Amino acid sequence: MSNSQVRPETLSEYLAHLPMTDQQRAELAGCQSFSELHERLSSSTFDAPTEAAQASVGKRLTLSTAEELQDAEMLVLDANGRVCLKATPPIRRTKVVPE
């Protein structure tokens, strides 16, 4: 999704914005809640809705652009092992005290 102010009110609106095939949308159309949708996207079950949403980030990032993101080396794992976009260059620390 873009940074627009549009917020989907229903699951069907949310699914319409995801870059999926009609068959993929149809498979997820039976979800009763956003939590269930994210659990199915992440192929896991969670106690908290936020955990399910976080777990599905990797899948949502790679729905249509997986090849391009991998070729550009833009997908990385964070310190907790979750998939995320590489948004900054690596940190290169230098010593403040001269040797």
PDB file of N, CA and C in Angstrom:
ATOM      1  N   MET A   1       0.839  -1.181   0.000  1.00  0.00           N
ATOM      2  CA  MET A   1       0.000   0.000   0.000  1.00  0.00           C
ATOM      3  C   MET A   1       0.881   1.240   0.000  1.00  0.00           C
ATOM      4  N   SER A   2       0.331   2.313  -0.435  1.00  0.00           N
ATOM      5  CA  SER A   2       1.070   3.563  -0.435  1.00  0.00           C
ATOM      6  C   SER A   2       0.873   4.281   0.894  1.00  0.00           C
ATOM      7  N   ASN A   3       1.442   5.464   0.997  1.00  0.00           N
ATOM      8  CA  ASN A   3       1.306   6.246   2.223  1.00  0.00           C
ATOM      9  C   ASN A   3       0.047   7.103   2.218  1.00  0.00           C
ATOM     10  N   SER A   4      -0.920   6.749   1.398  1.00  0.00           N
ATOM     11  CA  SER A   4      -2.150   7.535   1.327  1.00  0.00           C
ATOM     12  C   SER A   4      -2.922   7.422   2.635  1.00  0.00           C
ATOM     13  N   GLN A   5      -3.889   8.280   2.789  1.00  0.00           N
ATOM     14  CA  GLN A   5      -4.695   8.315   4.003  1.00  0.00           C
ATOM     15  C   GLN A   5      -5.861   7.334   3.947  1.00  0.00           C
ATOM     16  N   VAL A   6      -5.978   6.569   2.862  1.00  0.00           N
ATOM     17  CA  VAL A   6      -7.068   5.615   2.727  1.00  0.00           C
ATOM     18  C   VAL A   6      -6.838   4.461   3.690  1.00  0.00           C
ATOM     19  N   ARG A   7      -7.857   4.190   4.507  1.00  0.00           N
ATOM     20  CA  ARG A   7      -7.775   3.076   5.461  1.00  0.00           C
ATOM     21  C   ARG A   7      -8.912   2.120   5.140  1.00  0.00           C
ATOM     22  N   PRO A   8      -8.599   0.877   4.820  1.00  0.00           N
ATOM     23  CA  PRO A   8      -9.674  -0.061   4.491  1.00  0.00           C
ATOM     24  C   PRO A   8     -10.573  -0.322   5.689  1.00  0.00           C
ATOM     25  N   GLU A   9     -11.865  -0.305   5.447  1.00  0.00           N
ATOM     26  CA  GLU A   9     -12.845  -0.529   6.507  1.00  0.00           C
ATOM     27  C   GLU A   9     -13.175  -2.008   6.654  1.00  0.00           C
ATOM     28  N   THR A  10     -13.059  -2.759   5.576  1.00  0.00           N
ATOM     29  CA  THR A  10     -13.433  -4.168   5.609  1.00  0.00           C
ATOM     30  C   THR A  10     -12.290  -5.029   5.094  1.00  0.00           C
ATOM     31  N   LEU A  11     -12.387  -6.318   5.374  1.00  0.00           N
ATOM     32  CA  LEU A  11     -11.383  -7.253   4.880  1.00  0.00           C
ATOM     33  C   LEU A  11     -11.338  -7.274   3.359  1.00  0.00           C
ATOM     34  N   SER A  12     -12.500  -7.181   2.724  1.00  0.00           N
ATOM     35  CA  SER A  12     -12.519  -7.212   1.257  1.00  0.00           C
ATOM     36  C   SER A  12     -11.811  -5.992   0.676  1.00  0.00           C
ATOM     37  N   GLU A  13     -11.964  -4.834   1.297  1.00  0.00           N
ATOM     38  CA  GLU A  13     -11.236  -3.643   0.845  1.00  0.00           C
ATOM     39  C   GLU A  13      -9.734  -3.840   1.032  1.00  0.00           C
ATOM     40  N   TYR A  14      -9.350  -4.393   2.160  1.00  0.00           N
ATOM     41  CA  TYR A  14      -7.940  -4.645   2.448  1.00  0.00           C
ATOM     42  C   TYR A  14      -7.357  -5.613   1.422  1.00  0.00           C
ATOM     43  N   LEU A  15      -8.081  -6.704   1.159  1.00  0.00           N
ATOM     44  CA  LEU A  15      -7.617  -7.680   0.176  1.00  0.00           C
ATOM     45  C   LEU A  15      -7.504  -7.067  -1.214  1.00  0.00           C
ATOM     46  N   ALA A  16      -8.413  -6.156  -1.545  1.00  0.00           N
ATOM     47  CA  ALA A  16      -8.380  -5.517  -2.859  1.00  0.00           C
ATOM     48  C   ALA A  16      -7.102  -4.717  -3.062  1.00  0.00           C
ATOM     49  N   HIS A  17      -6.513  -4.211  -1.979  1.00  0.00           N
ATOM     50  CA  HIS A  17      -5.293  -3.413  -2.083  1.00  0.00           C
ATOM     51  C   HIS A  17      -4.027  -4.262  -2.129  1.00  0.00           C
ATOM     52  N   LEU A  18      -4.120  -5.523  -1.715  1.00  0.00           N
ATOM     53  CA  LEU A  18      -2.935  -6.383  -1.740  1.00  0.00           C
ATOM     54  C   LEU A  18      -2.676  -6.864  -3.163  1.00  0.00           C
ATOM     55  N   PRO A  19      -1.422  -6.869  -3.588  1.00  0.00           N
ATOM     56  CA  PRO A  19      -1.094  -7.304  -4.951  1.00  0.00           C
ATOM     57  C   PRO A  19      -1.147  -8.831  -5.064  1.00  0.00           C
ATOM     58  N   MET A  20      -2.365  -9.361  -5.225  1.00  0.00           N
ATOM     59  CA  MET A  20      -2.576 -10.807  -5.287  1.00  0.00           C
ATOM     60  C   MET A  20      -3.358 -11.166  -6.541  1.00  0.00           C
ATOM     61  N   THR A  21      -3.307 -12.441  -6.871  1.00  0.00           N
ATOM     62  CA  THR A  21      -4.148 -12.933  -7.954  1.00  0.00           C
ATOM     63  C   THR A  21      -5.569 -13.097  -7.423  1.00  0.00           C
ATOM     64  N   ASP A  22      -6.516 -13.217  -8.337  1.00  0.00           N
ATOM     65  CA  ASP A  22      -7.909 -13.424  -7.923  1.00  0.00           C
ATOM     66  C   ASP A  22      -8.055 -14.721  -7.139  1.00  0.00           C
ATOM     67  N   GLN A  23      -7.300 -15.740  -7.518  1.00  0.00           N
ATOM     68  CA  GLN A  23      -7.362 -17.022  -6.813  1.00  0.00           C
ATOM     69  C   GLN A  23      -6.856 -16.876  -5.375  1.00  0.00           C
ATOM     70  N   GLN A  24      -5.759 -16.136  -5.190  1.00  0.00           N
ATOM     71  CA  GLN A  24      -5.231 -15.918  -3.840  1.00  0.00           C
ATOM     72  C   GLN A  24      -6.238 -15.152  -2.985  1.00  0.00           C
ATOM     73  N   ARG A  25      -6.874 -14.129  -3.580  1.00  0.00           N
ATOM     74  CA  ARG A  25      -7.886 -13.365  -2.849  1.00  0.00           C
ATOM     75  C   ARG A  25      -9.060 -14.252  -2.449  1.00  0.00           C
ATOM     76  N   ALA A  26      -9.486 -15.107  -3.372  1.00  0.00           N
ATOM     77  CA  ALA A  26     -10.620 -15.988  -3.095  1.00  0.00           C
ATOM     78  C   ALA A  26     -10.308 -16.936  -1.935  1.00  0.00           C
ATOM     79  N   GLU A  27      -9.064 -17.402  -1.857  1.00  0.00           N
ATOM     80  CA  GLU A  27      -8.673 -18.297  -0.765  1.00  0.00           C
ATOM     81  C   GLU A  27      -8.729 -17.593   0.589  1.00  0.00           C
ATOM     82  N   LEU A  28      -8.451 -16.292   0.605  1.00  0.00           N
ATOM     83  CA  LEU A  28      -8.436 -15.534   1.856  1.00  0.00           C
ATOM     84  C   LEU A  28      -9.763 -14.838   2.154  1.00  0.00           C
ATOM     85  N   ALA A  29     -10.685 -14.856   1.199  1.00  0.00           N
ATOM     86  CA  ALA A  29     -11.950 -14.131   1.359  1.00  0.00           C
ATOM     87  C   ALA A  29     -12.805 -14.669   2.500  1.00  0.00           C
ATOM     88  N   GLY A  30     -12.591 -15.902   2.907  1.00  0.00           N
ATOM     89  CA  GLY A  30     -13.384 -16.482   3.983  1.00  0.00           C
ATOM     90  C   GLY A  30     -12.934 -16.084   5.378  1.00  0.00           C
ATOM     91  N   CYS A  31     -11.874 -15.320   5.488  1.00  0.00           N
ATOM     92  CA  CYS A  31     -11.382 -14.896   6.807  1.00  0.00           C
ATOM     93  C   CYS A  31     -12.427 -14.031   7.498  1.00  0.00           C
ATOM     94  N   GLN A  32     -12.577 -14.209   8.805  1.00  0.00           N
ATOM     95  CA  GLN A  32     -13.563 -13.473   9.583  1.00  0.00           C
ATOM     96  C   GLN A  32     -12.990 -12.234  10.265  1.00  0.00           C
ATOM     97  N   SER A  33     -11.664 -12.138  10.340  1.00  0.00           N
ATOM     98  CA  SER A  33     -11.045 -10.991  11.015  1.00  0.00           C
ATOM     99  C   SER A  33      -9.685 -10.708  10.384  1.00  0.00           C
ATOM    100  N   PHE A  34      -9.178  -9.521  10.656  1.00  0.00           N
ATOM    101  CA  PHE A  34      -7.846  -9.172  10.177  1.00  0.00           C
ATOM    102  C   PHE A  34      -6.800 -10.100  10.793  1.00  0.00           C
ATOM    103  N   SER A  35      -6.997 -10.477  12.051  1.00  0.00           N
ATOM    104  CA  SER A  35      -6.061 -11.399  12.710  1.00  0.00           C
ATOM    105  C   SER A  35      -5.999 -12.730  11.972  1.00  0.00           C
ATOM    106  N   GLU A  36      -7.157 -13.256  11.624  1.00  0.00           N
ATOM    107  CA  GLU A  36      -7.197 -14.529  10.899  1.00  0.00           C
ATOM    108  C   GLU A  36      -6.525 -14.391   9.539  1.00  0.00           C
ATOM    109  N   LEU A  37      -6.774 -13.281   8.863  1.00  0.00           N
ATOM    110  CA  LEU A  37      -6.149 -13.035   7.566  1.00  0.00           C
ATOM    111  C   LEU A  37      -4.626 -13.041   7.692  1.00  0.00           C
ATOM    112  N   HIS A  38      -4.104 -12.324   8.686  1.00  0.00           N
ATOM    113  CA  HIS A  38      -2.654 -12.263   8.869  1.00  0.00           C
ATOM    114  C   HIS A  38      -2.082 -13.610   9.298  1.00  0.00           C
ATOM    115  N   GLU A  39      -2.835 -14.355  10.095  1.00  0.00           N
ATOM    116  CA  GLU A  39      -2.379 -15.694  10.478  1.00  0.00           C
ATOM    117  C   GLU A  39      -2.269 -16.591   9.256  1.00  0.00           C
ATOM    118  N   ARG A  40      -3.250 -16.504   8.370  1.00  0.00           N
ATOM    119  CA  ARG A  40      -3.206 -17.333   7.159  1.00  0.00           C
ATOM    120  C   ARG A  40      -2.088 -16.889   6.238  1.00  0.00           C
ATOM    121  N   LEU A  41      -1.845 -15.594   6.149  1.00  0.00           N
ATOM    122  CA  LEU A  41      -0.731 -15.118   5.325  1.00  0.00           C
ATOM    123  C   LEU A  41       0.612 -15.580   5.880  1.00  0.00           C
ATOM    124  N   SER A  42       0.738 -15.583   7.195  1.00  0.00           N
ATOM    125  CA  SER A  42       2.012 -15.961   7.813  1.00  0.00           C
ATOM    126  C   SER A  42       2.133 -17.466   8.033  1.00  0.00           C
ATOM    127  N   SER A  43       1.046 -18.205   7.822  1.00  0.00           N
ATOM    128  CA  SER A  43       1.021 -19.664   8.030  1.00  0.00           C
ATOM    129  C   SER A  43       1.325 -20.043   9.473  1.00  0.00           C
ATOM    130  N   SER A  44       0.903 -19.216  10.416  1.00  0.00           N
ATOM    131  CA  SER A  44       1.111 -19.475  11.842  1.00  0.00           C
ATOM    132  C   SER A  44      -0.109 -19.006  12.622  1.00  0.00           C
ATOM    133  N   THR A  45      -0.201 -19.419  13.874  1.00  0.00           N
ATOM    134  CA  THR A  45      -1.262 -18.924  14.748  1.00  0.00           C
ATOM    135  C   THR A  45      -0.640 -18.177  15.921  1.00  0.00           C
ATOM    136  N   PHE A  46      -1.361 -17.147  16.384  1.00  0.00           N
ATOM    137  CA  PHE A  46      -0.839 -16.270  17.428  1.00  0.00           C
ATOM    138  C   PHE A  46      -1.930 -15.936  18.425  1.00  0.00           C
ATOM    139  N   ASP A  47      -1.509 -15.559  19.634  1.00  0.00           N
ATOM    140  CA  ASP A  47      -2.454 -15.153  20.672  1.00  0.00           C
ATOM    141  C   ASP A  47      -2.892 -13.704  20.496  1.00  0.00           C
ATOM    142  N   ALA A  48      -1.970 -12.851  20.064  1.00  0.00           N
ATOM    143  CA  ALA A  48      -2.258 -11.420  19.933  1.00  0.00           C
ATOM    144  C   ALA A  48      -2.350 -11.027  18.457  1.00  0.00           C
ATOM    145  N   PRO A  49      -3.335 -10.184  18.094  1.00  0.00           N
ATOM    146  CA  PRO A  49      -3.482  -9.741  16.705  1.00  0.00           C
ATOM    147  C   PRO A  49      -2.242  -9.041  16.162  1.00  0.00           C
ATOM    148  N   THR A  50      -1.554  -8.281  17.013  1.00  0.00           N
ATOM    149  CA  THR A  50      -0.365  -7.566  16.533  1.00  0.00           C
ATOM    150  C   THR A  50       0.740  -8.533  16.154  1.00  0.00           C
ATOM    151  N   GLU A  51       0.817  -9.672  16.847  1.00  0.00           N
ATOM    152  CA  GLU A  51       1.829 -10.668  16.496  1.00  0.00           C
ATOM    153  C   GLU A  51       1.548 -11.248  15.113  1.00  0.00           C
ATOM    154  N   ALA A  52       0.281 -11.492  14.810  1.00  0.00           N
ATOM    155  CA  ALA A  52      -0.091 -12.031  13.505  1.00  0.00           C
ATOM    156  C   ALA A  52       0.226 -11.027  12.404  1.00  0.00           C
ATOM    157  N   ALA A  53      -0.088  -9.765  12.634  1.00  0.00           N
ATOM    158  CA  ALA A  53       0.201  -8.731  11.636  1.00  0.00           C
ATOM    159  C   ALA A  53       1.701  -8.609  11.405  1.00  0.00           C
ATOM    160  N   GLN A  54       2.487  -8.643  12.469  1.00  0.00           N
ATOM    161  CA  GLN A  54       3.942  -8.559  12.338  1.00  0.00           C
ATOM    162  C   GLN A  54       4.484  -9.773  11.589  1.00  0.00           C
ATOM    163  N   ALA A  55       3.949 -10.941  11.878  1.00  0.00           N
ATOM    164  CA  ALA A  55       4.440 -12.165  11.245  1.00  0.00           C
ATOM    165  C   ALA A  55       4.132 -12.210   9.754  1.00  0.00           C
ATOM    166  N   SER A  56       3.088 -11.523   9.317  1.00  0.00           N
ATOM    167  CA  SER A  56       2.725 -11.552   7.898  1.00  0.00           C
ATOM    168  C   SER A  56       3.423 -10.471   7.077  1.00  0.00           C
ATOM    169  N   VAL A  57       4.224  -9.634   7.703  1.00  0.00           N
ATOM    170  CA  VAL A  57       4.911  -8.557   6.975  1.00  0.00           C
ATOM    171  C   VAL A  57       5.753  -9.117   5.840  1.00  0.00           C
ATOM    172  N   GLY A  58       6.541 -10.129   6.128  1.00  0.00           N
ATOM    173  CA  GLY A  58       7.400 -10.711   5.097  1.00  0.00           C
ATOM    174  C   GLY A  58       6.619 -11.188   3.896  1.00  0.00           C
ATOM    175  N   LYS A  59       5.516 -11.872   4.138  1.00  0.00           N
ATOM    176  CA  LYS A  59       4.676 -12.368   3.045  1.00  0.00           C
ATOM    177  C   LYS A  59       4.068 -11.214   2.266  1.00  0.00           C
ATOM    178  N   ARG A  60       3.572 -10.193   2.978  1.00  0.00           N
ATOM    179  CA  ARG A  60       2.963  -9.051   2.286  1.00  0.00           C
ATOM    180  C   ARG A  60       3.993  -8.283   1.467  1.00  0.00           C
ATOM    181  N   LEU A  61       5.225  -8.186   1.967  1.00  0.00           N
ATOM    182  CA  LEU A  61       6.274  -7.500   1.217  1.00  0.00           C
ATOM    183  C   LEU A  61       6.626  -8.233  -0.065  1.00  0.00           C
ATOM    184  N   THR A  62       6.515  -9.542  -0.036  1.00  0.00           N
ATOM    185  CA  THR A  62       6.963 -10.324  -1.182  1.00  0.00           C
ATOM    186  C   THR A  62       5.841 -10.789  -2.102  1.00  0.00           C
ATOM    187  N   LEU A  63       4.624 -10.330  -1.890  1.00  0.00           N
ATOM    188  CA  LEU A  63       3.511 -10.779  -2.727  1.00  0.00           C
ATOM    189  C   LEU A  63       3.752 -10.513  -4.206  1.00  0.00           C
ATOM    190  N   SER A  64       4.172  -9.339  -4.565  1.00  0.00           N
ATOM    191  CA  SER A  64       4.349  -9.032  -5.986  1.00  0.00           C
ATOM    192  C   SER A  64       5.772  -8.636  -6.341  1.00  0.00           C
ATOM    193  N   THR A  65       6.565  -8.318  -5.368  1.00  0.00           N
ATOM    194  CA  THR A  65       7.888  -7.773  -5.674  1.00  0.00           C
ATOM    195  C   THR A  65       9.031  -8.603  -5.110  1.00  0.00           C
ATOM    196  N   ALA A  66       8.769  -9.837  -4.775  1.00  0.00           N
ATOM    197  CA  ALA A  66       9.794 -10.662  -4.123  1.00  0.00           C
ATOM    198  C   ALA A  66      11.069 -10.737  -4.946  1.00  0.00           C
ATOM    199  N   GLU A  67      10.932 -11.007  -6.227  1.00  0.00           N
ATOM    200  CA  GLU A  67      12.115 -11.155  -7.068  1.00  0.00           C
ATOM    201  C   GLU A  67      12.915  -9.856  -7.136  1.00  0.00           C
ATOM    202  N   GLU A  68      12.222  -8.739  -7.348  1.00  0.00           N
ATOM    203  CA  GLU A  68      12.907  -7.456  -7.444  1.00  0.00           C
ATOM    204  C   GLU A  68      13.594  -7.087  -6.128  1.00  0.00           C
ATOM    205  N   LEU A  69      12.900  -7.315  -5.001  1.00  0.00           N
ATOM    206  CA  LEU A  69      13.480  -6.986  -3.698  1.00  0.00           C
ATOM    207  C   LEU A  69      14.681  -7.866  -3.384  1.00  0.00           C
ATOM    208  N   GLN A  70      14.607  -9.141  -3.738  1.00  0.00           N
ATOM    209  CA  GLN A  70      15.734 -10.033  -3.492  1.00  0.00           C
ATOM    210  C   GLN A  70      16.909  -9.677  -4.392  1.00  0.00           C
ATOM    211  N   ASP A  71      16.629  -9.370  -5.660  1.00  0.00           N
ATOM    212  CA  ASP A  71      17.703  -8.979  -6.575  1.00  0.00           C
ATOM    213  C   ASP A  71      18.402  -7.720  -6.092  1.00  0.00           C
ATOM    214  N   ALA A  72      17.651  -6.792  -5.532  1.00  0.00           N
ATOM    215  CA  ALA A  72      18.223  -5.539  -5.036  1.00  0.00           C
ATOM    216  C   ALA A  72      18.747  -5.681  -3.608  1.00  0.00           C
ATOM    217  N   GLU A  73      18.632  -6.878  -3.041  1.00  0.00           N
ATOM    218  CA  GLU A  73      19.063  -7.152  -1.669  1.00  0.00           C
ATOM    219  C   GLU A  73      18.412  -6.193  -0.672  1.00  0.00           C
ATOM    220  N   MET A  74      17.100  -5.992  -0.833  1.00  0.00           N
ATOM    221  CA  MET A  74      16.353  -5.068   0.018  1.00  0.00           C
ATOM    222  C   MET A  74      15.646  -5.761   1.181  1.00  0.00           C
ATOM    223  N   LEU A  75      15.498  -7.082   1.125  1.00  0.00           N
ATOM    224  CA  LEU A  75      14.870  -7.807   2.228  1.00  0.00           C
ATOM    225  C   LEU A  75      15.950  -8.347   3.152  1.00  0.00           C
ATOM    226  N   VAL A  76      15.822  -8.050   4.430  1.00  0.00           N
ATOM    227  CA  VAL A  76      16.787  -8.520   5.427  1.00  0.00           C
ATOM    228  C   VAL A  76      16.025  -9.007   6.655  1.00  0.00           C
ATOM    229  N   LEU A  77      16.731  -9.655   7.547  1.00  0.00           N
ATOM    230  CA  LEU A  77      16.155 -10.052   8.829  1.00  0.00           C
ATOM    231  C   LEU A  77      16.594  -9.058   9.884  1.00  0.00           C
ATOM    232  N   ASP A  78      15.654  -8.649  10.745  1.00  0.00           N
ATOM    233  CA  ASP A  78      16.019  -7.742  11.829  1.00  0.00           C
ATOM    234  C   ASP A  78      16.654  -8.536  12.968  1.00  0.00           C
ATOM    235  N   ALA A  79      16.965  -7.867  14.058  1.00  0.00           N
ATOM    236  CA  ALA A  79      17.642  -8.506  15.193  1.00  0.00           C
ATOM    237  C   ALA A  79      16.815  -9.633  15.802  1.00  0.00           C
ATOM    238  N   ASN A  80      15.499  -9.602  15.603  1.00  0.00           N
ATOM    239  CA  ASN A  80      14.617 -10.646  16.135  1.00  0.00           C
ATOM    240  C   ASN A  80      14.295 -11.726  15.111  1.00  0.00           C
ATOM    241  N   GLY A  81      14.941 -11.662  13.942  1.00  0.00           N
ATOM    242  CA  GLY A  81      14.730 -12.672  12.914  1.00  0.00           C
ATOM    243  C   GLY A  81      13.508 -12.468  12.052  1.00  0.00           C
ATOM    244  N   ARG A  82      12.926 -11.264  12.072  1.00  0.00           N
ATOM    245  CA  ARG A  82      11.744 -10.972  11.266  1.00  0.00           C
ATOM    246  C   ARG A  82      12.165 -10.346   9.940  1.00  0.00           C
ATOM    247  N   VAL A  83      11.413 -10.629   8.885  1.00  0.00           N
ATOM    248  CA  VAL A  83      11.689 -10.052   7.574  1.00  0.00           C
ATOM    249  C   VAL A  83      11.328  -8.575   7.587  1.00  0.00           C
ATOM    250  N   CYS A  84      12.203  -7.751   7.042  1.00  0.00           N
ATOM    251  CA  CYS A  84      11.915  -6.317   6.936  1.00  0.00           C
ATOM    252  C   CYS A  84      12.642  -5.758   5.719  1.00  0.00           C
ATOM    253  N   LEU A  85      12.299  -4.540   5.357  1.00  0.00           N
ATOM    254  CA  LEU A  85      12.979  -3.849   4.266  1.00  0.00           C
ATOM    255  C   LEU A  85      14.233  -3.179   4.785  1.00  0.00           C
ATOM    256  N   LYS A  86      15.295  -3.274   4.014  1.00  0.00           N
ATOM    257  CA  LYS A  86      16.518  -2.571   4.374  1.00  0.00           C
ATOM    258  C   LYS A  86      16.297  -1.100   4.012  1.00  0.00           C
ATOM    259  N   ALA A  87      16.227  -0.252   5.005  1.00  0.00           N
ATOM    260  CA  ALA A  87      15.894   1.154   4.771  1.00  0.00           C
ATOM    261  C   ALA A  87      17.094   2.084   4.912  1.00  0.00           C
ATOM    262  N   THR A  88      18.169   1.609   5.483  1.00  0.00           N
ATOM    263  CA  THR A  88      19.349   2.452   5.683  1.00  0.00           C
ATOM    264  C   THR A  88      20.603   1.658   5.348  1.00  0.00           C
ATOM    265  N   PRO A  89      21.673   2.355   5.041  1.00  0.00           N
ATOM    266  CA  PRO A  89      22.934   1.632   4.819  1.00  0.00           C
ATOM    267  C   PRO A  89      23.444   1.059   6.138  1.00  0.00           C
ATOM    268  N   PRO A  90      24.345   0.086   6.082  1.00  0.00           N
ATOM    269  CA  PRO A  90      24.863  -0.478   7.325  1.00  0.00           C
ATOM    270  C   PRO A  90      25.640   0.562   8.130  1.00  0.00           C
ATOM    271  N   ILE A  91      25.608   0.405   9.441  1.00  0.00           N
ATOM    272  CA  ILE A  91      26.325   1.330  10.323  1.00  0.00           C
ATOM    273  C   ILE A  91      27.798   0.956  10.326  1.00  0.00           C
ATOM    274  N   ARG A  92      28.644   1.935  10.135  1.00  0.00           N
ATOM    275  CA  ARG A  92      30.088   1.720  10.208  1.00  0.00           C
ATOM    276  C   ARG A  92      30.619   2.620  11.307  1.00  0.00           C
ATOM    277  N   ARG A  93      30.949   2.029  12.399  1.00  0.00           N
ATOM    278  CA  ARG A  93      31.422   2.794  13.552  1.00  0.00           C
ATOM    279  C   ARG A  93      32.930   3.000  13.459  1.00  0.00           C
ATOM    280  N   THR A  94      33.337   4.174  13.860  1.00  0.00           N
ATOM    281  CA  THR A  94      34.773   4.457  13.948  1.00  0.00           C
ATOM    282  C   THR A  94      35.100   4.841  15.379  1.00  0.00           C
ATOM    283  N   LYS A  95      36.305   4.550  15.771  1.00  0.00           N
ATOM    284  CA  LYS A  95      36.723   4.875  17.131  1.00  0.00           C
ATOM    285  C   LYS A  95      36.880   6.383  17.279  1.00  0.00           C
ATOM    286  N   VAL A  96      36.457   6.879  18.421  1.00  0.00           N
ATOM    287  CA  VAL A  96      36.577   8.301  18.715  1.00  0.00           C
ATOM    288  C   VAL A  96      37.973   8.598  19.269  1.00  0.00           C
ATOM    289  N   VAL A  97      38.520   7.638  19.958  1.00  0.00           N
ATOM    290  CA  VAL A  97      39.840   7.800  20.568  1.00  0.00           C
ATOM    291  C   VAL A  97      40.901   7.372  19.554  1.00  0.00           C
ATOM    292  N   PRO A  98      41.887   8.219  19.302  1.00  0.00           N
ATOM    293  CA  PRO A  98      42.940   7.824  18.357  1.00  0.00           C
ATOM    294  C   PRO A  98      43.757   6.655  18.914  1.00  0.00           C
ATOM    295  N   GLU A  99      44.265   5.848  18.023  1.00  0.00           N
ATOM    296  CA  GLU A  99      45.068   4.695  18.451  1.00  0.00           C
ATOM    297  C   GLU A  99      46.522   5.049  18.612  1.00  0.00           C
TER     298      GLU A  99
END
